[in-house]
């Protein structure tokens, strides 16, 4: 970034002529008088107060914010913005002591700030020239050194340079703010979609409550977990009931796989139409997965003025939802501070030093994806409502990468441990996170609390990481038994003990929006093998009867 500096400041001097005595120029004394009378104080402020390093540091953060408004919330920006400004202030103070002049120190500080935050932008712009990091770092070193020499020798030009840099910095911050402020105002007041979902009746008034739909993948029902791993001391169900959640005792998924289960839940219907459209002799899952990427629940809530946040990790069908207002995905849309840091000069310095970051393994991506999703839940909770938040957390889903306290579990440790212990540790970590999230979401007054739905999409696998098919009663109990917990503030709905997930949003939209959505029969389905996934077999009676 270049800015044109004005001409040098005219020196104050005494003028003598042959006919007149020495007459002093107005100089500093006149400027002081002007300030006292309310005269040209604005110009004096710009020339005397070097705010430009702080403003340009702020601009670096605000620029990235303004370019990614659909992925960034104000809470993401606050900490890096404060750090950038405070660091620029500290740098200015140190250089002011070195140069014995705060304005000279600020000029050098601005050069360093621009080099630090601007490196990635300039490197991208010059990418076609094939310049190495060494060459670019050398160029920025010359810029900073040249600025230092200029500051030392600038003398009378310092006030005008200070004023020019202040003006440029103010303009840049104003331009960024002019983009950010209107967007945030519109985000706080979402507009209703023009098209309502076709299978629900639109109501005149919609509740102001946020809606959280939290899927903890392969979190089975208490019965499923006990049958599969002999875990009987899970206290989450009682803990949730004590806080007002309804937790049906004999809940089940409608289908024994994530994509089919979520397709039914989010579209509030069984998937019989896929059998007729695709046929029974198919293993192509894309039809069910398409029903997740564009679903009736999201369309209806958007038509009611809700903003839709999708939180996911590596699982494809929930990774990018076309109708979502914001898709928050680990490994695809980097978090704000990570992107900001990647654009600074530090990665280039690491590359020149030979510091190489190892490529993350699948276990790394799984672990970081789970942590990313949990962070995003806390972050999105600060966004203005009404909002619909769908978070797909791959926990207690394998691979097993967490110890019970959430610390990393190595692959060697996982291979040496029995699966019961591995699942129990993932379950313990999941429970701790669920309790923390619930405590946070329900901290306010009852009339402002959100609707919170916590479900497992399916039960645990029977063959560790392989979705084997057995179709025995114990297998069906384990694979179809799922956690269902619903916090429904302000309504009197009562969930049946045999509740299934297809009715989840039928309850919510009926009770809160007056939608004409009567409950469907609580039925569960499987298929004979993974090559005939649309050959649905109703196993509801077998599951219920075998549990008597």
Protein backbone atom coordinates (compact mmCIF):
# COMPACT_ATOMS: atom_id res chain seq x y z
CA UNK A 1 0.00 0.00 0.00
CA UNK A 2 1.42 3.36 -0.97
CA UNK A 3 0.25 6.79 0.00
CA UNK A 4 1.49 10.11 -1.34
CA UNK A 5 3.00 12.39 1.23
CA UNK A 6 2.61 16.12 1.07
CA UNK A 7 5.40 18.68 0.70
CA UNK A 8 7.77 19.31 3.55
CA UNK A 9 6.67 21.50 6.42
CA UNK A 10 7.77 25.12 6.12
CA UNK A 11 10.30 26.02 8.79
CA UNK A 12 9.54 28.77 11.25
CA UNK A 13 12.02 31.53 10.71
CA UNK A 14 12.60 35.25 11.43
CA UNK A 15 12.35 37.56 8.47
CA UNK A 16 14.41 40.72 8.28
CA UNK A 17 14.26 43.35 5.65
CA UNK A 18 16.05 46.63 5.24
CA UNK A 19 12.84 48.58 5.93
CA UNK A 20 11.22 46.60 8.75
CA UNK A 21 12.30 45.14 12.05
CA UNK A 22 12.28 41.37 12.53
CA UNK A 23 8.72 40.01 12.52
CA UNK A 24 8.27 36.49 13.85
CA UNK A 25 6.22 34.03 11.78
CA UNK A 26 3.01 32.83 13.53
CA UNK A 27 4.59 29.38 13.93
CA UNK A 28 3.94 27.23 16.99
CA UNK A 29 2.64 30.04 19.17
CA UNK A 30 -0.10 30.85 16.66
CA UNK A 31 -1.05 27.19 16.35
CA UNK A 32 -1.40 26.98 20.12
CA UNK A 33 -3.64 30.06 20.04
CA UNK A 34 -5.67 28.52 17.21
CA UNK A 35 -6.19 25.40 19.27
CA UNK A 36 -7.28 27.46 22.26
CA UNK A 37 -9.81 29.35 20.12
CA UNK A 38 -11.15 26.16 18.51
CA UNK A 39 -9.28 26.88 15.28
CA UNK A 40 -7.59 24.31 13.04
CA UNK A 41 -7.38 21.71 15.85
CA UNK A 42 -8.28 18.86 13.49
CA UNK A 43 -5.12 19.38 11.49
CA UNK A 44 -3.09 19.72 14.66
CA UNK A 45 -4.50 16.44 15.97
CA UNK A 46 -3.65 14.59 12.76
CA UNK A 47 -0.09 15.91 12.69
CA UNK A 48 0.62 15.38 16.40
CA UNK A 49 -1.19 12.15 17.26
CA UNK A 50 0.20 9.09 15.47
CA UNK A 51 -2.73 6.66 15.52
CA UNK A 52 -1.88 5.07 12.18
CA UNK A 53 -0.02 1.96 13.49
CA UNK A 54 -3.01 1.06 15.67
CA UNK A 55 -5.55 1.80 12.93
CA UNK A 56 -3.66 -0.17 10.28
CA UNK A 57 -3.31 -3.15 12.63
CA UNK A 58 -7.05 -2.95 13.22
CA UNK A 59 -7.65 -2.66 9.47
CA UNK A 60 -5.75 -5.89 8.80
CA UNK A 61 -8.22 -7.75 11.01
CA UNK A 62 -11.28 -5.84 9.82
CA UNK A 63 -10.39 -6.34 6.17
CA UNK A 64 -10.35 -10.12 6.56
CA UNK A 65 -13.58 -9.89 8.54
CA UNK A 66 -15.27 -7.83 5.81
CA UNK A 67 -14.17 -10.30 3.13
CA UNK A 68 -15.63 -13.30 5.01
CA UNK A 69 -18.79 -11.96 6.59
CA UNK A 70 -20.80 -15.08 5.82
CA UNK A 71 -18.35 -17.24 7.81
CA UNK A 72 -17.28 -14.94 10.64
CA UNK A 73 -19.09 -13.68 13.72
CA UNK A 74 -18.15 -10.63 15.81
CA UNK A 75 -17.02 -12.93 18.63
CA UNK A 76 -14.34 -14.34 16.28
CA UNK A 77 -12.91 -10.91 15.62
CA UNK A 78 -12.81 -9.39 19.10
CA UNK A 79 -9.73 -11.17 20.48
CA UNK A 80 -7.47 -10.92 17.38
CA UNK A 81 -8.52 -7.30 16.89
CA UNK A 82 -7.61 -6.42 20.48
CA UNK A 83 -4.29 -8.26 20.24
CA UNK A 84 -3.39 -6.58 16.96
CA UNK A 85 -4.09 -3.09 18.29
CA UNK A 86 -2.34 -3.65 21.63
CA UNK A 87 0.70 -5.16 19.93
CA UNK A 88 0.91 -2.21 17.56
CA UNK A 89 0.67 0.16 20.52
CA UNK A 90 3.45 -1.65 22.39
CA UNK A 91 5.64 -1.68 19.27
CA UNK A 92 5.07 2.04 18.81
CA UNK A 93 6.03 2.72 22.41
CA UNK A 94 9.27 0.75 22.14
CA UNK A 95 10.28 2.45 18.89
CA UNK A 96 9.38 5.85 20.33
CA UNK A 97 11.90 5.24 23.10
CA UNK A 98 14.54 4.09 20.61
CA UNK A 99 14.05 7.11 18.33
CA UNK A 100 13.20 9.52 21.16
CA UNK A 101 10.13 10.69 19.24
CA UNK A 102 6.70 9.06 19.32
CA UNK A 103 5.81 10.16 15.78
CA UNK A 104 9.04 8.79 14.33
CA UNK A 105 8.56 5.56 16.25
CA UNK A 106 5.02 5.31 14.90
CA UNK A 107 6.22 5.66 11.29
CA UNK A 108 8.57 2.71 11.71
CA UNK A 109 5.89 0.77 13.60
CA UNK A 110 3.51 1.26 10.68
CA UNK A 111 6.07 -0.16 8.27
CA UNK A 112 6.43 -3.24 10.48
CA UNK A 113 2.65 -3.61 10.86
CA UNK A 114 2.16 -3.40 7.09
CA UNK A 115 4.95 -5.90 6.48
CA UNK A 116 3.62 -8.31 9.11
CA UNK A 117 -0.03 -8.32 8.05
CA UNK A 118 0.45 -7.53 4.39
CA UNK A 119 2.99 -10.20 3.52
CA UNK A 120 0.48 -12.86 2.49
CA UNK A 121 -1.62 -10.44 0.44
CA UNK A 122 1.38 -9.09 -1.45
CA UNK A 123 2.84 -12.58 -1.95
CA UNK A 124 -0.45 -13.70 -3.48
CA UNK A 125 -0.54 -10.68 -5.77
CA UNK A 126 3.05 -11.32 -6.94
CA UNK A 127 2.67 -15.09 -7.19
CA UNK A 128 2.95 -15.05 -10.98
CA UNK A 129 6.46 -13.57 -10.81
CA UNK A 130 7.88 -16.68 -9.14
CA UNK A 131 9.53 -14.80 -6.28
CA UNK A 132 10.82 -16.93 -3.43
CA UNK A 133 10.09 -16.33 0.24
CA UNK A 134 13.71 -15.26 0.67
CA UNK A 135 13.30 -12.57 -1.99
CA UNK A 136 10.02 -11.31 -0.57
CA UNK A 137 11.36 -11.26 2.98
CA UNK A 138 14.40 -9.37 1.75
CA UNK A 139 12.16 -6.86 0.01
CA UNK A 140 10.12 -6.25 3.13
CA UNK A 141 13.35 -5.95 5.14
CA UNK A 142 14.50 -3.20 2.79
CA UNK A 143 11.14 -1.41 3.20
CA UNK A 144 11.37 -1.49 6.99
CA UNK A 145 15.02 -0.48 7.04
CA UNK A 146 14.37 2.33 4.58
CA UNK A 147 11.49 3.57 6.72
CA UNK A 148 13.72 3.55 9.79
CA UNK A 149 16.37 5.63 8.01
CA UNK A 150 13.69 8.02 6.74
CA UNK A 151 12.27 8.44 10.26
CA UNK A 152 15.70 9.23 11.67
CA UNK A 153 16.40 11.86 9.02
CA UNK A 154 12.91 13.16 8.37
CA UNK A 155 13.06 16.15 10.68
CA UNK A 156 10.46 18.77 9.70
CA UNK A 157 8.57 16.34 7.45
CA UNK A 158 7.37 14.20 10.37
CA UNK A 159 4.11 16.16 11.03
CA UNK A 160 2.94 15.96 7.41
CA UNK A 161 3.86 12.28 7.13
CA UNK A 162 2.01 11.59 10.37
CA UNK A 163 -1.08 13.42 9.12
CA UNK A 164 -1.01 11.62 5.77
CA UNK A 165 -0.67 8.18 7.37
CA UNK A 166 -3.45 8.98 9.83
CA UNK A 167 -5.79 10.01 7.01
CA UNK A 168 -5.06 6.89 4.98
CA UNK A 169 -5.54 4.63 8.02
CA UNK A 170 -8.84 6.29 8.96
CA UNK A 171 -10.15 5.91 5.41
CA UNK A 172 -9.23 2.21 5.28
CA UNK A 173 -10.91 1.46 8.61
CA UNK A 174 -13.97 3.41 7.51
CA UNK A 175 -14.22 1.46 4.24
CA UNK A 176 -14.04 -1.86 6.10
CA UNK A 177 -16.62 -0.71 8.66
CA UNK A 178 -18.93 0.45 5.86
CA UNK A 179 -19.07 -3.17 4.67
CA UNK A 180 -19.26 -4.82 8.08
CA UNK A 181 -21.85 -2.70 9.89
CA UNK A 182 -24.73 -3.01 7.36
CA UNK A 183 -24.17 -6.76 7.09
CA UNK A 184 -24.23 -7.25 10.85
CA UNK A 185 -27.39 -5.17 11.11
CA UNK A 186 -29.06 -7.35 8.47
CA UNK A 187 -27.79 -10.50 10.19
CA UNK A 188 -29.41 -9.38 13.43
CA UNK A 189 -32.71 -8.96 11.56
CA UNK A 190 -32.99 -11.95 9.20
CA UNK A 191 -35.56 -11.76 6.43
CA UNK A 192 -38.08 -14.51 5.85
CA UNK A 193 -37.67 -16.70 2.78
CA UNK A 194 -40.25 -16.13 0.08
CA UNK A 195 -41.03 -19.84 -0.19
CA UNK A 196 -42.37 -21.92 2.69
CA UNK A 197 -41.73 -25.64 2.95
CA UNK A 198 -44.51 -27.44 1.06
CA UNK A 199 -45.36 -30.14 3.61
CA UNK A 200 -45.98 -27.84 6.57
CA UNK A 201 -48.53 -25.13 7.23
CA UNK A 202 -46.99 -21.73 7.70
CA UNK A 203 -48.15 -19.87 10.80
CA UNK A 204 -48.80 -16.19 11.31
CA UNK A 205 -46.40 -15.91 14.26
CA UNK A 206 -43.16 -17.79 14.84
CA UNK A 207 -41.45 -18.25 18.21
CA UNK A 208 -38.32 -16.29 18.95
CA UNK A 209 -36.56 -19.30 20.46
CA UNK A 210 -33.38 -20.56 18.86
CA UNK A 211 -33.35 -24.23 17.86
CA UNK A 212 -30.31 -26.48 18.38
CA UNK A 213 -30.23 -29.90 16.72
CA UNK A 214 -27.15 -31.69 18.03
CA UNK A 215 -26.30 -35.08 16.56
CA UNK A 216 -23.71 -37.07 18.51
CA UNK A 217 -22.91 -39.80 16.05
CA UNK A 218 -23.35 -43.42 17.27
CA UNK A 219 -24.53 -42.33 20.70
CA UNK A 220 -26.78 -45.28 21.43
CA UNK A 221 -29.69 -45.59 23.81
CA UNK A 222 -28.93 -46.77 27.36
CA UNK A 223 -30.14 -50.22 26.35
CA UNK A 224 -27.98 -50.30 23.19
CA UNK A 225 -24.84 -49.25 25.05
CA UNK A 226 -25.41 -51.79 27.80
CA UNK A 227 -26.00 -54.60 25.30
CA UNK A 228 -22.96 -53.73 23.20
CA UNK A 229 -20.39 -52.73 25.80
CA UNK A 230 -21.91 -53.66 29.17
CA UNK A 231 -21.72 -50.01 30.24
CA UNK A 232 -24.32 -49.44 32.96
CA UNK A 233 -23.05 -46.34 34.78
CA UNK A 234 -23.86 -43.68 32.16
CA UNK A 235 -25.39 -40.80 34.13
CA UNK A 236 -26.24 -38.52 31.19
CA UNK A 237 -29.87 -39.63 30.86
CA UNK A 238 -30.72 -38.81 34.46
CA UNK A 239 -28.71 -35.60 34.32
CA UNK A 240 -30.68 -34.41 31.29
CA UNK A 241 -34.03 -35.35 32.83
CA UNK A 242 -33.17 -33.34 35.94
CA UNK A 243 -32.76 -30.27 33.71
CA UNK A 244 -36.10 -30.59 32.00
CA UNK A 245 -35.23 -32.77 29.00
CA UNK A 246 -37.56 -35.50 27.88
CA UNK A 247 -35.51 -38.67 27.34
CA UNK A 248 -37.67 -41.54 26.05
CA UNK A 249 -36.71 -44.86 27.63
CA UNK A 250 -37.04 -46.97 24.46
CA UNK A 251 -36.12 -44.57 21.65
CA UNK A 252 -34.91 -45.85 18.28
CA UNK A 253 -33.59 -44.54 15.01
CA UNK A 254 -35.76 -45.20 11.98
CA UNK A 255 -32.85 -46.51 9.89
CA UNK A 256 -29.53 -48.05 10.93
CA UNK A 257 -27.18 -45.72 9.06
CA UNK A 258 -26.40 -42.04 9.40
CA UNK A 259 -27.45 -40.87 5.95
CA UNK A 260 -30.80 -42.70 5.99
CA UNK A 261 -31.53 -41.80 9.62
CA UNK A 262 -30.82 -38.09 9.15
CA UNK A 263 -32.72 -37.97 5.85
CA UNK A 264 -35.83 -39.26 7.61
CA UNK A 265 -35.41 -36.96 10.62
CA UNK A 266 -34.76 -33.76 8.65
CA UNK A 267 -37.56 -34.42 6.15
CA UNK A 268 -40.01 -35.76 8.77
CA UNK A 269 -40.95 -38.74 6.62
CA UNK A 270 -40.10 -42.36 5.92
CA UNK A 271 -38.03 -43.15 2.85
CA UNK A 272 -40.38 -45.55 1.05
CA UNK A 273 -40.34 -43.26 -1.98
CA UNK A 274 -36.64 -44.06 -2.49
CA UNK A 275 -37.45 -47.76 -2.80
CA UNK A 276 -39.89 -47.09 -5.63
CA UNK A 277 -37.67 -44.50 -7.33
CA UNK A 278 -34.34 -46.31 -7.14
CA UNK A 279 -35.24 -49.95 -6.67
CA UNK A 280 -34.31 -52.54 -4.10
CA UNK A 281 -31.14 -53.75 -5.87
CA UNK A 282 -28.94 -50.70 -5.31
CA UNK A 283 -26.12 -49.64 -3.01
CA UNK A 284 -26.08 -46.01 -4.23
CA UNK A 285 -26.54 -43.85 -1.13
CA UNK A 286 -26.58 -40.48 -2.90
CA UNK A 287 -30.38 -40.23 -3.08
CA UNK A 288 -30.68 -40.36 0.71
CA UNK A 289 -27.70 -38.05 1.12
CA UNK A 290 -29.27 -35.48 -1.20
CA UNK A 291 -32.24 -35.35 1.19
CA UNK A 292 -29.85 -34.18 3.92
CA UNK A 293 -28.26 -31.47 1.79
CA UNK A 294 -31.68 -29.96 0.98
CA UNK A 295 -34.24 -30.79 3.66
CA UNK A 296 -37.73 -29.71 4.65
CA UNK A 297 -36.91 -28.68 8.22
CA UNK A 298 -34.26 -26.19 7.11
CA UNK A 299 -36.47 -24.78 4.37
CA UNK A 300 -39.40 -24.26 6.69
CA UNK A 301 -37.36 -22.61 9.44
CA UNK A 302 -35.71 -20.28 6.93
CA UNK A 303 -39.19 -19.34 5.70
CA UNK A 304 -39.98 -18.35 9.27
CA UNK A 305 -37.02 -15.96 9.48
CA UNK A 306 -34.48 -18.31 11.05
CA UNK A 307 -30.81 -18.16 10.11
CA UNK A 308 -29.41 -21.64 9.48
CA UNK A 309 -25.93 -22.56 10.79
CA UNK A 310 -24.52 -25.95 9.71
CA UNK A 311 -21.64 -27.32 11.80
CA UNK A 312 -19.87 -30.41 10.45
CA UNK A 313 -16.51 -32.12 10.04
CA UNK A 314 -15.37 -34.64 7.46
CA UNK A 315 -18.64 -36.55 6.89
CA UNK A 316 -19.69 -35.71 3.32
CA UNK A 317 -23.51 -35.47 3.47
CA UNK A 318 -23.48 -32.95 6.35
CA UNK A 319 -20.32 -31.18 5.25
CA UNK A 320 -21.99 -28.60 3.02
CA UNK A 321 -25.72 -27.95 3.12
CA UNK A 322 -26.92 -25.93 0.13
CA UNK A 323 -29.77 -24.23 2.00
CA UNK A 324 -27.70 -23.30 5.06
CA UNK A 325 -26.83 -19.64 5.51
CA UNK A 326 -23.42 -20.59 6.91
CA UNK A 327 -21.56 -23.91 6.58
CA UNK A 328 -18.90 -24.17 9.27
CA UNK A 329 -16.62 -27.02 8.30
CA UNK A 330 -13.27 -28.06 9.72
CA UNK A 331 -10.60 -28.35 7.04
CA UNK A 332 -12.59 -26.38 4.46
CA UNK A 333 -13.44 -23.01 5.91
CA UNK A 334 -10.57 -22.28 8.29
CA UNK A 335 -11.27 -20.52 11.50
CA UNK A 336 -10.75 -16.78 11.44
CA UNK A 337 -7.56 -16.57 13.47
CA UNK A 338 -5.96 -19.41 11.49
CA UNK A 339 -6.60 -17.61 8.22
CA UNK A 340 -5.38 -14.33 9.69
CA UNK A 341 -2.16 -15.95 10.90
CA UNK A 342 -1.61 -17.67 7.55
CA UNK A 343 -1.61 -14.27 5.84
CA UNK A 344 1.07 -12.83 8.11
CA UNK A 345 4.81 -12.97 7.57
CA UNK A 346 5.33 -15.75 10.14
CA UNK A 347 4.62 -18.77 7.87
CA UNK A 348 7.16 -17.47 5.34
CA UNK A 349 9.77 -17.12 8.07
CA UNK A 350 9.07 -20.71 9.15
CA UNK A 351 9.43 -21.92 5.57
CA UNK A 352 12.77 -20.17 5.15
CA UNK A 353 13.94 -21.67 8.46
CA UNK A 354 12.94 -25.11 7.22
CA UNK A 355 10.17 -25.58 9.78
CA UNK A 356 7.71 -27.98 8.09
CA UNK A 357 4.34 -28.93 9.53
CA UNK A 358 3.53 -32.61 9.10
CA UNK A 359 0.41 -33.45 7.12
CA UNK A 360 -2.43 -34.37 9.49
CA UNK A 361 -3.53 -38.00 9.54
CA UNK A 362 -7.15 -39.12 9.39
CA UNK A 363 -7.05 -39.56 13.18
CA UNK A 364 -5.79 -35.97 13.49
CA UNK A 365 -8.57 -34.68 11.24
CA UNK A 366 -11.17 -36.65 13.17
CA UNK A 367 -9.99 -35.33 16.54
CA UNK A 368 -9.60 -31.74 15.36
CA UNK A 369 -12.94 -31.91 13.55
CA UNK A 370 -14.73 -32.90 16.75
CA UNK A 371 -13.04 -30.11 18.71
CA UNK A 372 -13.81 -27.66 15.92
CA UNK A 373 -17.50 -28.57 16.05
CA UNK A 374 -17.63 -28.16 19.82
CA UNK A 375 -15.94 -24.75 19.56
CA UNK A 376 -18.34 -23.66 16.85
CA UNK A 377 -21.33 -24.55 19.02
CA UNK A 378 -20.13 -22.19 21.71
CA UNK A 379 -19.28 -19.54 19.13
CA UNK A 380 -22.54 -19.65 17.18
CA UNK A 381 -24.48 -19.36 20.44
CA UNK A 382 -23.38 -15.70 20.49
CA UNK A 383 -24.95 -14.97 17.08
CA UNK A 384 -28.23 -13.05 17.02
CA UNK A 385 -31.42 -15.08 16.65
CA UNK A 386 -33.66 -16.57 15.76
CA UNK A 387 -31.31 -19.25 14.47
CA UNK A 388 -31.37 -22.94 13.65
CA UNK A 389 -28.11 -24.70 14.50
CA UNK A 390 -27.52 -28.21 13.18
CA UNK A 391 -24.28 -29.68 14.54
CA UNK A 392 -23.06 -33.11 13.50
CA UNK A 393 -20.44 -34.13 16.07
CA UNK A 394 -18.60 -37.39 15.30
CA UNK A 395 -18.48 -38.50 18.93
CA UNK A 396 -18.49 -41.21 20.34
CA UNK A 397 -17.94 -42.29 16.72
CA UNK A 398 -14.62 -44.01 15.99
CA UNK A 399 -11.70 -43.75 15.31
CA UNK A 400 -10.98 -43.58 19.01
CA UNK A 401 -8.81 -40.51 19.47
CA UNK A 402 -9.81 -39.16 22.91
CA UNK A 403 -9.19 -40.26 26.44
CA UNK A 404 -12.00 -39.73 28.94
CA UNK A 405 -10.71 -36.26 29.85
CA UNK A 406 -10.49 -35.21 26.19
CA UNK A 407 -6.71 -35.49 25.91
CA UNK A 408 -5.33 -37.12 22.75
CA UNK A 409 -5.17 -40.90 22.49
CA UNK A 410 -2.39 -42.23 20.27
CA UNK A 411 -2.97 -44.88 17.64
CA UNK A 412 -0.69 -47.25 19.55
CA UNK A 413 -2.72 -46.79 22.73
CA UNK A 414 -5.97 -47.31 20.82
CA UNK A 415 -4.71 -50.54 19.24
CA UNK A 416 -3.69 -51.92 22.61
CA UNK A 417 -6.97 -51.19 24.43
CA UNK A 418 -10.23 -53.19 24.36
CA UNK A 419 -13.03 -51.47 22.42
CA UNK A 420 -15.25 -51.34 25.49
CA UNK A 421 -12.75 -49.06 27.21
CA UNK A 422 -12.26 -46.97 24.08
CA UNK A 423 -15.99 -46.42 23.62
CA UNK A 424 -16.43 -45.72 27.34
CA UNK A 425 -13.76 -43.02 27.19
CA UNK A 426 -15.33 -41.41 24.12
CA UNK A 427 -18.70 -41.59 25.87
CA UNK A 428 -17.30 -39.91 28.98
CA UNK A 429 -15.79 -37.11 26.94
CA UNK A 430 -19.01 -36.69 24.94
CA UNK A 431 -21.01 -36.49 28.19
CA UNK A 432 -18.75 -33.82 29.64
CA UNK A 433 -19.13 -31.72 26.51
CA UNK A 434 -22.91 -32.20 26.34
CA UNK A 435 -23.27 -31.14 29.97
CA UNK A 436 -21.14 -28.06 29.40
CA UNK A 437 -23.06 -27.07 26.26
CA UNK A 438 -26.46 -27.65 27.89
CA UNK A 439 -25.43 -25.63 30.93
CA UNK A 440 -24.39 -22.77 28.67
CA UNK A 441 -27.52 -22.85 26.49
CA UNK A 442 -29.95 -23.04 29.41
CA UNK A 443 -28.25 -20.42 31.56
CA UNK A 444 -30.84 -17.71 30.85
CA UNK A 445 -34.42 -17.20 31.93
CA UNK A 446 -36.89 -19.89 30.84
CA UNK A 447 -38.72 -17.61 28.44
CA UNK A 448 -35.51 -16.97 26.49
CA UNK A 449 -34.10 -20.50 26.47
CA UNK A 450 -33.69 -22.31 23.15
CA UNK A 451 -35.24 -25.56 21.99
CA UNK A 452 -32.46 -28.14 22.37
CA UNK A 453 -32.52 -31.54 20.67
CA UNK A 454 -29.71 -34.01 21.39
CA UNK A 455 -29.81 -37.27 19.44
CA UNK A 456 -27.74 -40.13 18.22
CA UNK A 457 -28.34 -40.90 14.56
CA UNK A 458 -27.72 -44.61 15.18
CA UNK A 459 -26.36 -46.95 17.82
CA UNK A 460 -22.81 -48.36 18.06
CA UNK A 461 -21.39 -50.60 15.37
CA UNK A 462 -21.23 -54.31 16.08
CA UNK A 463 -17.91 -54.89 14.28
CA UNK A 464 -15.80 -52.00 15.58
CA UNK A 465 -15.27 -49.83 12.47
CA UNK A 466 -17.16 -52.03 9.98
CA UNK A 467 -20.93 -51.75 9.42
CA UNK A 468 -21.55 -55.47 9.38
CA UNK A 469 -25.10 -56.76 8.92
CA UNK A 470 -26.50 -59.49 11.15
CA UNK A 471 -30.21 -58.76 11.56
CA UNK A 472 -30.51 -60.63 14.85
CA UNK A 473 -32.66 -59.13 17.65
CA UNK A 474 -29.65 -58.14 19.78
CA UNK A 475 -27.94 -56.59 16.73
CA UNK A 476 -31.07 -54.58 15.85
CA UNK A 477 -31.40 -53.31 19.42
CA UNK A 478 -27.80 -52.11 19.36
CA UNK A 479 -27.74 -50.61 15.87
CA UNK A 480 -31.15 -48.92 16.04
CA UNK A 481 -31.22 -47.88 19.69
CA UNK A 482 -30.30 -44.20 19.85
CA UNK A 483 -30.18 -41.40 22.38
CA UNK A 484 -33.10 -38.95 22.11
CA UNK A 485 -33.30 -35.98 24.49
CA UNK A 486 -35.50 -32.95 23.81
CA UNK A 487 -35.77 -29.73 25.79
CA UNK A 488 -39.10 -28.16 24.82
CA UNK A 489 -39.61 -25.03 26.94
CA UNK A 490 -43.06 -23.51 27.20
CA UNK A 491 -45.08 -26.40 25.73
CA UNK A 492 -46.78 -29.44 27.23
CA UNK A 493 -45.82 -32.06 24.63
CA UNK A 494 -45.04 -35.50 26.04
CA UNK A 495 -42.88 -37.91 24.06
CA UNK A 496 -43.81 -41.60 24.06
CA UNK A 497 -41.29 -44.13 25.39
CA UNK A 498 -40.98 -45.74 21.94
CA UNK A 499 -40.25 -42.42 20.24
CA UNK A 500 -38.35 -42.50 16.93
CA UNK A 501 -36.41 -39.68 15.30
CA UNK A 502 -38.74 -39.21 12.30
CA UNK A 503 -41.11 -37.44 14.70
CA UNK A 504 -38.51 -35.10 16.20
CA UNK A 505 -39.33 -32.04 14.14
CA UNK A 506 -42.96 -32.99 13.72
CA UNK A 507 -43.21 -32.31 17.46
CA UNK A 508 -41.24 -29.07 17.28
CA UNK A 509 -43.03 -27.59 14.26
CA UNK A 510 -46.44 -28.68 15.49
CA UNK A 511 -46.03 -27.37 19.05
CA UNK A 512 -44.18 -24.13 18.31
CA UNK A 513 -45.38 -23.19 14.81
CA UNK A 514 -48.85 -24.73 14.69
CA UNK A 515 -47.90 -26.89 11.71
CA UNK A 516 -50.30 -29.60 10.63
CA UNK A 517 -47.91 -32.47 11.27
CA UNK A 518 -49.48 -35.35 13.18
CA UNK A 519 -47.06 -37.97 14.54
CA UNK A 520 -46.04 -40.82 12.28
CA UNK A 521 -45.93 -44.41 13.56
CA UNK A 522 -42.69 -45.08 15.41
CA UNK A 523 -41.25 -47.68 13.05
CA UNK A 524 -37.66 -48.85 12.47
CA UNK A 525 -36.17 -50.41 9.34
CA UNK A 526 -33.09 -52.30 8.21
CA UNK A 527 -32.05 -54.01 4.96
CA UNK A 528 -30.76 -57.49 4.16
CA UNK A 529 -27.21 -56.42 3.21
CA UNK A 530 -25.28 -53.35 2.14
CA UNK A 531 -25.88 -54.04 -1.55
CA UNK A 532 -29.67 -53.76 -1.18
CA UNK A 533 -29.96 -50.68 1.00
CA UNK A 534 -33.39 -49.63 -0.29
CA UNK A 535 -34.91 -53.04 0.37
CA UNK A 536 -36.35 -51.83 3.65
CA UNK A 537 -37.45 -54.40 6.22
CA UNK A 538 -39.71 -53.28 9.07
CA UNK A 539 -38.24 -54.70 12.30
CA UNK A 540 -40.15 -52.58 14.80
CA UNK A 541 -42.21 -55.38 16.29
CA UNK A 542 -39.18 -57.63 16.59
CA UNK A 543 -37.28 -54.95 18.51
CA UNK A 544 -40.12 -54.08 20.85
CA UNK A 545 -41.14 -57.70 21.45
CA UNK A 546 -37.58 -58.86 22.08
CA UNK A 547 -37.15 -56.17 24.68
CA UNK A 548 -40.04 -57.37 26.81
